Amino acid sequence: MKAFDYCNPVFVKFGAGVRKQIGPTLRDSYQNVLLVCSQGPFHENGLYRFVKENLEENDIRVYEMHDVESNPKLFRIREGVEVCKENRIDCILALGSGSAIDCAKAISAASAMEVDPYDLYWGKRVKVTKTIDTVMVPTFAATGSEMNRSSVAVNEKTKEKYFFDANYAKYVFMDPEVTLTVPIKLTIWGVMDILSHTFEYYFNGDRDSEFQTNLSEAVILSVMRNTERLTANPQDINARGEIMWAAAMTWGTGLTWIGRGEADMACHGIEESFSAYFDTHHGACLGVLTPRWMEAVAPKRPDLFARFARNIMKVSEADDRKAAVEGVRKYKGWLKMIGAPNTYFDLAPLAFSDEELKRVAATACRVYHGGVGRMTRFQENEIVEMLKSGRDPY
């Protein structure tokens, strides 16, 4: 295991019904809260109103920012910064998916330091020295960004997506009940993100961190089993809680990757440029890209993929190379069984033309300094071919 520093100071309240504790928990610390909400059914199902009233009943003034779109845009973050400046906001509460969470982190840092959000993600890449406190109420299990510092956004003018490190949230309220209204399709799309982030370190080539590798396998197996449970019964609250906590354990807290070295971010590197251009769902696109990346890389690192095949996909083949190929084949079969997205046309009714895919590949290479990937470094022409394969079912 490699040397590392680790600290995650987030106070987590987990369990069915913990949303009722939001106002009472915050009332003694904050007066003016900016409530940042993702697009979604939160007004129709009453969750938004409940959170707002729960805050107000505890003498907290609420300022509102509605319908933050998937792949949050730079202009939206700037809007939030203006609200903070005009109203002495002392806490930002994100309600929803990663879009609201990422947006809240950026508003927090840009407002406290009085900088343009552009210079956090791009531009000067300003180092974050202070922030307004943030509180996260995730309604969707995916990246687990409620537990970490990373924030991702899209520059709507250049269609580039990039990240910066903000600060940790003060509180995270993980209530599996709030995910019950998430359609099973979107739940599966979120699972694609959880698995992708787990794979980035599980398949990074490190062979000296046995505990972390075993922990990754535990996350993968738990997520797969509980996804199967949810496809059978989308109202299974325990399965939803298991998946929500698994998301926090992998990319959110980093517990699966500390001591393992650098991640292989090939799929995320390509996807970020893809969804920035097409404005598609992040997790869904990862569901399309990941098995195609596996097919390309498994023959080059059969030792790593053979372990996945045997420990995760229960392949009995003794030859590593054959086991690796069989493991990927069985994983693709599992994806089909749960109804994961198979092609880009499962994401949106768009053209996905050759020229558009070439632009996506060129952007990914420009943003990530010439190519993407660690175990296998994919150049622009190779990325284009991988992207093209996403138009046809596997």
Protein backbone atom coordinates (compact mmCIF):
# COMPACT_ATOMS: atom_id res chain seq x y z
CA MET A 1 0.00 0.00 0.00
CA LYS A 2 1.26 3.48 -0.92
CA ALA A 3 1.64 6.35 1.55
CA PHE A 4 -1.38 8.66 1.91
CA ASP A 5 -2.98 11.43 3.94
CA TYR A 6 -6.64 10.97 4.75
CA CYS A 7 -9.29 13.16 6.36
CA ASN A 8 -13.03 13.26 5.84
CA PRO A 9 -14.71 15.55 8.40
CA VAL A 10 -18.28 15.28 7.10
CA PHE A 11 -20.95 14.64 9.76
CA VAL A 12 -23.34 12.05 8.26
CA LYS A 13 -26.87 11.43 9.45
CA PHE A 14 -28.09 8.25 7.74
CA GLY A 15 -31.41 6.49 7.91
CA ALA A 16 -35.06 6.50 6.89
CA GLY A 17 -36.64 9.76 8.04
CA VAL A 18 -33.47 11.72 8.87
CA ARG A 19 -34.70 14.54 6.63
CA LYS A 20 -36.83 15.56 9.62
CA GLN A 21 -33.63 16.46 11.49
CA ILE A 22 -32.41 19.06 8.97
CA GLY A 23 -33.94 22.17 10.52
CA PRO A 24 -33.35 21.21 14.17
CA THR A 25 -29.72 20.38 13.39
CA LEU A 26 -29.01 23.66 11.58
CA ARG A 27 -31.07 26.13 13.62
CA ASP A 28 -28.36 27.10 16.12
CA SER A 29 -25.69 27.65 13.47
CA TYR A 30 -27.31 29.43 10.51
CA GLN A 31 -29.80 32.21 9.80
CA ASN A 32 -29.89 32.57 6.00
CA VAL A 33 -29.80 29.41 3.87
CA LEU A 34 -29.67 29.23 0.07
CA LEU A 35 -31.64 26.13 -0.95
CA VAL A 36 -30.21 24.84 -4.24
CA CYS A 37 -32.45 22.21 -5.86
CA SER A 38 -31.85 19.94 -8.85
CA GLN A 39 -34.37 19.50 -11.63
CA GLY A 40 -36.68 16.65 -10.74
CA PRO A 41 -39.99 15.72 -9.13
CA PHE A 42 -39.21 17.38 -5.81
CA HIS A 43 -42.00 19.95 -6.01
CA GLU A 44 -44.59 17.40 -7.15
CA ASN A 45 -43.70 14.82 -4.51
CA GLY A 46 -43.56 17.39 -1.71
CA LEU A 47 -39.90 16.91 -0.75
CA TYR A 48 -38.87 20.46 -1.63
CA ARG A 49 -41.72 21.96 0.35
CA PHE A 50 -40.95 19.69 3.31
CA VAL A 51 -37.28 20.74 3.45
CA LYS A 52 -38.10 24.42 3.03
CA GLU A 53 -40.75 24.36 5.75
CA ASN A 54 -38.54 22.27 8.04
CA LEU A 55 -35.93 25.02 7.84
CA GLU A 56 -38.41 27.87 8.28
CA GLU A 57 -40.08 26.19 11.26
CA ASN A 58 -36.68 26.34 12.93
CA ASP A 59 -36.30 30.09 12.38
CA ILE A 60 -34.06 29.84 9.31
CA ARG A 61 -34.71 32.18 6.41
CA VAL A 62 -34.69 30.35 3.08
CA TYR A 63 -33.60 31.79 -0.28
CA GLU A 64 -34.40 29.62 -3.27
CA MET A 65 -32.58 28.46 -6.39
CA HIS A 66 -34.70 26.02 -8.40
CA ASP A 67 -34.15 23.45 -11.12
CA VAL A 68 -30.38 23.18 -11.48
CA GLU A 69 -29.97 21.20 -14.66
CA SER A 70 -27.98 18.01 -15.09
CA ASN A 71 -24.38 18.92 -15.94
CA PRO A 72 -24.59 22.27 -14.07
CA LYS A 73 -23.58 25.28 -16.11
CA LEU A 74 -21.26 28.13 -15.25
CA PHE A 75 -24.00 30.74 -15.61
CA ARG A 76 -26.10 28.94 -12.99
CA ILE A 77 -23.27 29.04 -10.46
CA ARG A 78 -22.85 32.76 -11.08
CA GLU A 79 -26.55 33.26 -10.36
CA GLY A 80 -26.12 31.58 -7.00
CA VAL A 81 -23.12 33.72 -6.14
CA GLU A 82 -25.21 36.85 -6.67
CA VAL A 83 -27.91 35.55 -4.32
CA CYS A 84 -25.28 34.97 -1.65
CA LYS A 85 -23.82 38.44 -2.04
CA GLU A 86 -27.21 40.15 -1.82
CA ASN A 87 -28.59 38.22 1.15
CA ARG A 88 -25.72 37.42 3.53
CA ILE A 89 -26.11 33.70 3.00
CA ASP A 90 -24.29 31.75 5.72
CA CYS A 91 -25.14 28.22 4.55
CA ILE A 92 -25.90 26.57 1.20
CA LEU A 93 -28.09 23.47 1.24
CA ALA A 94 -28.08 21.23 -1.84
CA LEU A 95 -31.19 19.12 -2.41
CA GLY A 96 -31.08 16.63 -5.25
CA SER A 97 -28.50 14.91 -7.38
CA GLY A 98 -24.88 15.71 -8.14
CA SER A 99 -25.90 18.76 -10.17
CA ALA A 100 -27.19 20.62 -7.09
CA ILE A 101 -24.30 19.33 -4.96
CA ASP A 102 -21.61 20.41 -7.43
CA CYS A 103 -23.34 23.75 -7.92
CA ALA A 104 -23.54 24.37 -4.17
CA LYS A 105 -19.82 23.68 -3.70
CA ALA A 106 -18.88 26.15 -6.40
CA ILE A 107 -21.26 28.85 -5.14
CA SER A 108 -19.83 28.33 -1.66
CA ALA A 109 -16.22 28.86 -2.71
CA ALA A 110 -16.77 31.64 -5.25
CA SER A 111 -18.96 33.64 -2.85
CA ALA A 112 -16.64 33.35 0.14
CA MET A 113 -13.52 34.28 -1.84
CA GLU A 114 -15.28 36.80 -4.12
CA VAL A 115 -13.95 35.23 -7.32
CA ASP A 116 -15.54 34.38 -10.64
CA PRO A 117 -16.45 30.66 -10.65
CA TYR A 118 -14.68 30.42 -14.01
CA ASP A 119 -11.38 30.88 -12.22
CA LEU A 120 -12.08 27.91 -9.98
CA TYR A 121 -12.62 25.41 -12.79
CA TRP A 122 -10.57 27.00 -15.58
CA GLY A 123 -8.83 30.37 -15.86
CA LYS A 124 -6.53 31.02 -12.91
CA ARG A 125 -7.48 27.73 -11.12
CA VAL A 126 -7.70 29.66 -7.84
CA LYS A 127 -6.90 27.59 -4.77
CA VAL A 128 -9.83 27.45 -2.36
CA THR A 129 -8.95 29.08 0.96
CA LYS A 130 -12.41 29.68 2.43
CA THR A 131 -16.01 28.71 1.76
CA ILE A 132 -19.55 29.23 2.97
CA ASP A 133 -20.72 26.14 4.86
CA THR A 134 -22.59 23.56 2.80
CA VAL A 135 -25.15 20.90 3.73
CA MET A 136 -26.08 18.07 1.37
CA VAL A 137 -29.36 16.18 1.05
CA PRO A 138 -28.75 13.67 -1.77
CA THR A 139 -31.82 12.24 -3.47
CA PHE A 140 -29.92 9.99 -5.86
CA ALA A 141 -27.11 7.47 -5.34
CA ALA A 142 -24.29 7.90 -7.85
CA THR A 143 -20.93 9.65 -7.52
CA GLY A 144 -21.14 10.14 -3.77
CA SER A 145 -20.02 13.74 -4.24
CA GLU A 146 -21.97 14.74 -1.15
CA MET A 147 -19.06 13.28 0.82
CA ASN A 148 -16.08 14.78 -1.00
CA ARG A 149 -14.59 18.09 -2.11
CA SER A 150 -14.81 17.71 -5.88
CA SER A 151 -17.13 19.87 -7.99
CA VAL A 152 -17.73 19.45 -11.73
CA ALA A 153 -19.40 21.94 -14.07
CA VAL A 154 -19.79 22.79 -17.75
CA ASN A 155 -18.66 25.96 -19.48
CA GLU A 156 -21.71 26.45 -21.68
CA LYS A 157 -19.74 28.57 -24.15
CA THR A 158 -16.95 26.08 -24.86
CA LYS A 159 -18.88 22.91 -23.88
CA GLU A 160 -15.98 21.82 -21.69
CA LYS A 161 -16.55 20.04 -18.39
CA TYR A 162 -13.92 20.21 -15.66
CA PHE A 163 -13.50 20.05 -11.89
CA PHE A 164 -11.98 21.78 -8.88
CA ASP A 165 -11.66 20.86 -5.20
CA ALA A 166 -13.85 22.98 -2.90
CA ASN A 167 -14.40 22.00 0.73
CA TYR A 168 -16.23 19.28 2.58
CA ALA A 169 -19.85 19.66 3.61
CA LYS A 170 -20.64 20.26 7.27
CA TYR A 171 -23.54 17.81 7.25
CA VAL A 172 -24.92 15.16 4.91
CA PHE A 173 -28.44 13.86 5.48
CA MET A 174 -28.73 10.47 3.76
CA ASP A 175 -32.35 9.42 3.83
CA PRO A 176 -33.10 6.36 1.65
CA GLU A 177 -36.80 7.26 1.72
CA VAL A 178 -36.18 10.32 -0.46
CA THR A 179 -34.90 8.07 -3.26
CA LEU A 180 -38.12 6.06 -3.47
CA THR A 181 -39.56 8.27 -6.20
CA VAL A 182 -36.45 7.97 -8.37
CA PRO A 183 -37.49 5.85 -11.40
CA ILE A 184 -35.70 2.52 -11.67
CA LYS A 185 -34.10 3.64 -14.94
CA LEU A 186 -32.44 6.62 -13.25
CA THR A 187 -31.49 4.46 -10.28
CA ILE A 188 -29.64 2.12 -12.65
CA TRP A 189 -27.98 5.07 -14.35
CA GLY A 190 -26.68 6.15 -10.95
CA VAL A 191 -25.39 2.62 -10.31
CA MET A 192 -23.34 2.90 -13.51
CA ASP A 193 -21.57 5.89 -11.94
CA ILE A 194 -20.92 4.07 -8.65
CA LEU A 195 -19.43 1.08 -10.45
CA SER A 196 -17.36 3.24 -12.79
CA HIS A 197 -15.74 5.11 -9.91
CA THR A 198 -15.02 1.85 -8.12
CA PHE A 199 -13.46 0.35 -11.26
CA GLU A 200 -11.15 3.35 -11.68
CA TYR A 201 -9.01 2.18 -8.77
CA TYR A 202 -9.84 -1.51 -8.85
CA PHE A 203 -8.41 -1.63 -12.38
CA ASN A 204 -5.63 0.95 -11.94
CA GLY A 205 -2.85 -1.63 -12.02
CA ASP A 206 -1.98 -1.52 -8.33
CA ARG A 207 -1.39 -4.97 -6.82
CA ASP A 208 -0.03 -4.00 -3.42
CA SER A 209 -3.20 -2.89 -1.60
CA GLU A 210 -5.03 -6.10 -0.85
CA PHE A 211 -7.39 -4.63 1.72
CA GLN A 212 -8.50 -1.84 -0.62
CA THR A 213 -8.92 -4.31 -3.49
CA ASN A 214 -11.11 -6.53 -1.32
CA LEU A 215 -13.11 -3.52 -0.18
CA SER A 216 -13.69 -2.55 -3.81
CA GLU A 217 -14.96 -6.04 -4.52
CA ALA A 218 -17.33 -5.81 -1.55
CA VAL A 219 -18.73 -2.54 -2.93
CA ILE A 220 -19.12 -3.96 -6.44
CA LEU A 221 -20.84 -7.14 -5.24
CA SER A 222 -23.15 -5.25 -2.87
CA VAL A 223 -24.14 -2.74 -5.54
CA MET A 224 -24.83 -5.50 -8.07
CA ARG A 225 -26.92 -7.58 -5.67
CA ASN A 226 -28.96 -4.63 -4.44
CA THR A 227 -29.52 -3.38 -7.97
CA GLU A 228 -31.00 -6.77 -8.80
CA ARG A 229 -33.24 -6.43 -5.75
CA LEU A 230 -34.42 -3.01 -6.91
CA THR A 231 -35.20 -4.19 -10.42
CA ALA A 232 -37.48 -6.77 -8.77
CA ASN A 233 -38.92 -4.27 -6.27
CA PRO A 234 -38.11 -0.57 -6.76
CA GLN A 235 -39.64 0.19 -3.33
CA ASP A 236 -37.08 -1.91 -1.43
CA ILE A 237 -35.92 0.74 1.05
CA ASN A 238 -33.10 -1.37 2.43
CA ALA A 239 -31.63 -1.96 -1.03
CA ARG A 240 -31.83 1.76 -1.75
CA GLY A 241 -30.00 2.52 1.48
CA GLU A 242 -27.29 -0.04 0.68
CA ILE A 243 -26.66 1.55 -2.71
CA MET A 244 -26.68 5.06 -1.25
CA TRP A 245 -24.03 4.10 1.31
CA ALA A 246 -21.97 2.19 -1.28
CA ALA A 247 -21.79 5.38 -3.38
CA ALA A 248 -20.43 7.24 -0.37
CA MET A 249 -17.88 4.52 0.35
CA THR A 250 -16.23 4.54 -3.05
CA TRP A 251 -15.71 7.97 -4.63
CA GLY A 252 -17.37 9.92 -1.84
CA THR A 253 -15.13 9.02 1.08
CA GLY A 254 -12.35 7.53 -1.00
CA LEU A 255 -12.15 4.46 1.20
CA THR A 256 -11.74 2.17 -1.81
CA TRP A 257 -8.85 4.11 -3.27
CA ILE A 258 -6.63 5.45 -0.48
CA GLY A 259 -3.17 3.92 -0.76
CA ARG A 260 -3.74 2.68 -4.30
CA GLY A 261 -2.08 5.44 -6.33
CA GLU A 262 -3.48 7.14 -9.41
CA ALA A 263 -6.89 6.21 -10.83
CA ASP A 264 -7.49 5.08 -14.39
CA MET A 265 -9.99 7.77 -15.35
CA ALA A 266 -10.35 6.84 -19.02
CA CYS A 267 -14.13 6.41 -18.95
CA HIS A 268 -14.73 9.58 -16.94
CA GLY A 269 -12.28 11.52 -19.09
CA ILE A 270 -14.19 10.60 -22.23
CA GLU A 271 -17.64 10.88 -20.66
CA GLU A 272 -17.10 14.37 -19.31
CA SER A 273 -16.48 15.66 -22.82
CA PHE A 274 -19.38 13.59 -24.16
CA SER A 275 -22.01 14.86 -21.72
CA ALA A 276 -20.69 18.41 -21.92
CA TYR A 277 -21.27 18.34 -25.67
CA PHE A 278 -24.54 16.36 -25.86
CA ASP A 279 -25.92 17.33 -22.40
CA THR A 280 -26.66 13.68 -21.65
CA HIS A 281 -26.87 11.96 -18.27
CA HIS A 282 -23.44 11.35 -16.75
CA GLY A 283 -24.05 7.92 -15.23
CA ALA A 284 -25.99 6.65 -18.24
CA CYS A 285 -23.15 7.48 -20.59
CA LEU A 286 -20.69 5.72 -18.29
CA GLY A 287 -22.95 2.68 -18.59
CA VAL A 288 -22.41 2.71 -22.34
CA LEU A 289 -18.67 3.44 -22.25
CA THR A 290 -17.49 1.17 -19.43
CA PRO A 291 -18.06 -2.27 -21.03
CA ARG A 292 -16.46 -1.03 -24.25
CA TRP A 293 -13.43 0.22 -22.31
CA MET A 294 -13.27 -3.18 -20.57
CA GLU A 295 -13.24 -4.97 -23.91
CA ALA A 296 -10.34 -2.82 -25.08
CA VAL A 297 -8.24 -3.12 -21.92
CA ALA A 298 -8.92 -6.65 -20.60
CA PRO A 299 -6.70 -8.44 -23.16
CA LYS A 300 -3.81 -6.12 -22.21
CA ARG A 301 -4.14 -6.70 -18.44
CA PRO A 302 -5.63 -10.19 -18.14
CA ASP A 303 -4.27 -10.59 -14.61
CA LEU A 304 -6.45 -7.75 -13.27
CA PHE A 305 -9.54 -8.70 -15.25
CA ALA A 306 -9.17 -12.40 -14.43
CA ARG A 307 -9.49 -11.53 -10.74
CA PHE A 308 -12.64 -9.54 -11.53
CA ALA A 309 -13.96 -12.47 -13.55
CA ARG A 310 -13.39 -15.00 -10.79
CA ASN A 311 -14.26 -12.95 -7.69
CA ILE A 312 -17.12 -10.88 -9.10
CA MET A 313 -18.52 -12.72 -12.11
CA LYS A 314 -17.82 -16.24 -10.73
CA VAL A 315 -15.87 -17.43 -13.76
CA SER A 316 -14.06 -20.75 -13.15
CA GLU A 317 -11.66 -20.63 -16.11
CA ALA A 318 -8.05 -21.22 -15.00
CA ASP A 319 -6.34 -19.39 -17.88
CA ASP A 320 -6.13 -15.67 -17.07
CA ARG A 321 -6.57 -14.45 -20.62
CA LYS A 322 -9.64 -16.59 -21.25
CA ALA A 323 -11.06 -15.73 -17.82
CA ALA A 324 -10.63 -12.00 -18.44
CA VAL A 325 -12.57 -12.16 -21.71
CA GLU A 326 -15.27 -14.35 -20.16
CA GLY A 327 -15.60 -11.99 -17.18
CA VAL A 328 -16.26 -8.99 -19.42
CA ARG A 329 -18.75 -11.03 -21.45
CA LYS A 330 -20.65 -12.03 -18.29
CA TYR A 331 -20.59 -8.46 -16.99
CA LYS A 332 -22.18 -7.25 -20.22
CA GLY A 333 -24.82 -9.92 -19.75
CA TRP A 334 -25.51 -8.60 -16.26
CA LEU A 335 -25.86 -5.08 -17.61
CA LYS A 336 -28.45 -6.29 -20.10
CA MET A 337 -30.30 -8.18 -17.36
CA ILE A 338 -30.76 -5.09 -15.18
CA GLY A 339 -31.69 -2.86 -18.13
CA ALA A 340 -28.56 -0.70 -18.18
CA PRO A 341 -28.12 1.64 -21.14
CA ASN A 342 -26.58 -0.22 -24.07
CA THR A 343 -26.16 2.50 -26.71
CA TYR A 344 -26.24 6.30 -26.83
CA PHE A 345 -29.77 6.09 -28.18
CA ASP A 346 -30.87 4.83 -24.77
CA LEU A 347 -29.79 8.24 -23.44
CA ALA A 348 -31.30 10.66 -25.93
CA PRO A 349 -32.76 10.75 -29.47
CA LEU A 350 -29.75 12.54 -30.97
CA ALA A 351 -27.66 11.96 -34.11
CA PHE A 352 -24.28 11.20 -32.47
CA SER A 353 -22.63 11.77 -35.85
CA ASP A 354 -19.01 10.93 -36.69
CA GLU A 355 -18.09 14.61 -36.69
CA GLU A 356 -19.66 15.19 -33.29
CA LEU A 357 -17.90 12.17 -31.80
CA LYS A 358 -14.58 13.37 -33.24
CA ARG A 359 -15.15 16.71 -31.53
CA VAL A 360 -15.82 14.93 -28.23
CA ALA A 361 -12.60 12.94 -28.58
CA ALA A 362 -10.58 16.03 -29.46
CA THR A 363 -11.96 17.89 -26.44
CA ALA A 364 -11.14 15.00 -24.11
CA CYS A 365 -7.56 14.92 -25.38
CA ARG A 366 -7.18 18.68 -25.06
CA VAL A 367 -8.55 18.77 -21.52
CA TYR A 368 -6.54 15.74 -20.38
CA HIS A 369 -3.25 16.70 -22.01
CA GLY A 370 -3.16 14.55 -25.10
CA GLY A 371 -5.01 11.37 -24.16
CA VAL A 372 -7.02 9.52 -21.51
CA GLY A 373 -6.35 6.44 -19.43
CA ARG A 374 -3.58 4.99 -17.31
CA MET A 375 -3.24 1.25 -17.90
CA THR A 376 -3.91 1.92 -21.58
CA ARG A 377 -3.43 5.46 -22.81
CA PHE A 378 -6.03 6.13 -25.50
CA GLN A 379 -5.17 8.67 -28.19
CA GLU A 380 -7.68 10.68 -30.15
CA ASN A 381 -8.19 8.18 -33.00
CA GLU A 382 -8.67 5.32 -30.51
CA ILE A 383 -11.19 7.35 -28.51
CA VAL A 384 -13.13 8.06 -31.69
CA GLU A 385 -13.38 4.34 -32.47
CA MET A 386 -14.50 3.56 -28.92
CA LEU A 387 -17.12 6.31 -29.12
CA LYS A 388 -18.40 5.05 -32.46
CA SER A 389 -18.94 1.59 -30.99
CA GLY A 390 -21.41 3.10 -28.52
CA ARG A 391 -23.94 3.57 -31.31
CA ASP A 392 -24.36 -0.19 -31.82
CA PRO A 393 -25.60 -2.72 -29.24
CA TYR A 394 -22.99 -5.08 -27.79
